[in-house]
Amino acid sequence: MYTKDDLNSFKRRGIKTEQIERQLDNFKKGFSHVNLAAPATIGNGIIRIDPENEKQLTDAYEAISPKAEILKMVPASGSATRMFKDLFSFIENYSGSEEEFLEFVQHKDSGTIYDFFSKIDQLPFYNRLSAVMWNAGKDIQKQIEKRNYIDILKYILTDKGLNYGDTPKGLIDFHIYRDFVRTAFDEHIVEGALYASNGKTAKLHFTVSEQYMNLFKDRLKKITKVFEKMFNIKYEVTFSIQKPSTDTVSVTADGELLKDEDGKIVFRPGGHGALIHNLNELKADIIFIKNIDNVIPDRAKGDTVKYKKLLAGTLLELQKKIFGYLEVLDKKPTAEQLDEITDFINNQIGYKEAEGKTFKDQKAKIKYLHNLLNRPIRVCGMVKNEGEPGGGPFWVKNADGSSRLMIVEAAQINLKDKEQKKIFEQSTHFNPVDLVCGIMNYKGKKFDLEQFIAADQGFITNKSYKGKDIKVQELPGLWNGAMANWTTLFVEVPLTTFTPVKTVFDLFRFEHRNVLKK
């Protein structure tokens, strides 16, 4: 039974009581695991673009881009807390005793705190850090000599200095140029001009946390004119927040609805899967989707730009074929045409029909084929798996015996099942969140993307809340269950297009370094 306060909190968020009931039911029953049929590999679900076809695909995109609505969407709501996790841990655990210092200097490998301080002057935010400390009467190098490591880290992480511990990752300084230091947000704005524009205007959309919205808008004002002049282009940049109506509840170890000390229900963001609703409010012919932390300096953007255009060209060619077949199905297709369309579906759109599929009559077959083709389309870049955590490309078996290409996370798989675990471990590629989407149908109308969500592909994970064990629920992931019923194509892209900054130590990697700095 919900209290009046509970009902008011639902109303404020735009949540219906039925949603809460479904979430509580999910906690009781759990989400079913996906049924892996096989890993998607080169030649079996992943396309490797032939060099001879590159020009054709690039030309296809460049020919349509001047007259098409093109948009780049960047999920950017994450804070930088995880990026600085090791620094926070050091602050919490290092006392500065002689014994701890001796242990500290013994660990000099890459990724250690000793390594961090030995190369701190190579970080893109070093000059800002040095300046803020200087203004406080402290010389950063002298502080290092005095072993005042905790104090320096506090100038990085707290409002004593840069306050990076409470800053969105998109607004952390990532790359140094001759006369400018760019954030991850800046680099996405630059990319918008390079591949996501019509030659005159670049449109970008960022999903951000409400608390950081003004910080992004302030940064946009600072950089817009600089990049508009640099690329001779105009920018149209919009923002949205994750909808409160997609928040989820949690339960205690006893299965009770989690409430705080004041008796109020504790809500949590529903994960990146909630962003399907933000995407559903956007309208464009082609939408690029890329994570906020996957950027690279201008000197190395060549492959990124090249493969974004190749993915978009692949989308357009597939879309052209699908739209043509849908128009045929709207008329009176011949048996020969139906066989051709069936062959195309089973070999070209990431779908495999159930063995022995039969139809009552031709009308039923036409309806079936039309349903399979008339869906939003996504072309996803896939990189070779080199041990990165996260989702991968698989053939997943549906309840009716058919199989469909999907991006699947480990949490969606029953790894206790030896066969499923074996298939999972045979995966050769990894999902870097590199998508190009077509959300318009063959009649020029936008799909309702909420109709293609696999609602049974959510996640339940164990967390803690004020020392108590709790279970939390996430909606089907944006590129997992939220797009599970899209037409999906996987295309291999090189590792040079995947350069994420997951921790502060990644900023020391050559990909992110300023090669001009000695």
Foldseek 3Di string as FASTA:
>chain_A
DDDPLQVVVCVVQVADVVVQVVQLVCVVVPFAFFFFPFFQDDVRFADADDPVCLVVLLCLLLVCLLPWFFEEEAAFAAACQLQAVLVVVCLVPPPPDPVVVVVQVVDCDQPGVVVCVVCVCQALCSVQLQVLVVVVVDGVVVCVVVVVSSVSSCLCCPPSHVVSNGGTQQPDFFFDDPVDTHGLVRQVVLVQLLAGHSLAEGEYEYAHAPVCVVVVVVVCVVCQVVSCVVRVYHYHYYYHYQRSNQWHWWAFPVSHTDDDPVRHGDTDHQAQQSCVVVVLPDDTQKYKYAYSQFGFDPVLCVQVSSVLSSQVSVVVVVQVVLLVLLVCLVPDHDPVSLVVLVVCLCPPFFKHDAPPDDDPDPVRSSVVSNVLSFFKEKEFEKEFDPPDAAWRWGWTADPVRMTGIATDHPQSHDCVPVVRVVSVVPHGIHGNRTMMIGQAGSVRHGDNLQVQAPQSRKGWDWDADPRGIMITIHGAHNRGRSNRSGRYHYYYGYCSSGQGSSHSSSSVDPRRGDPVPD
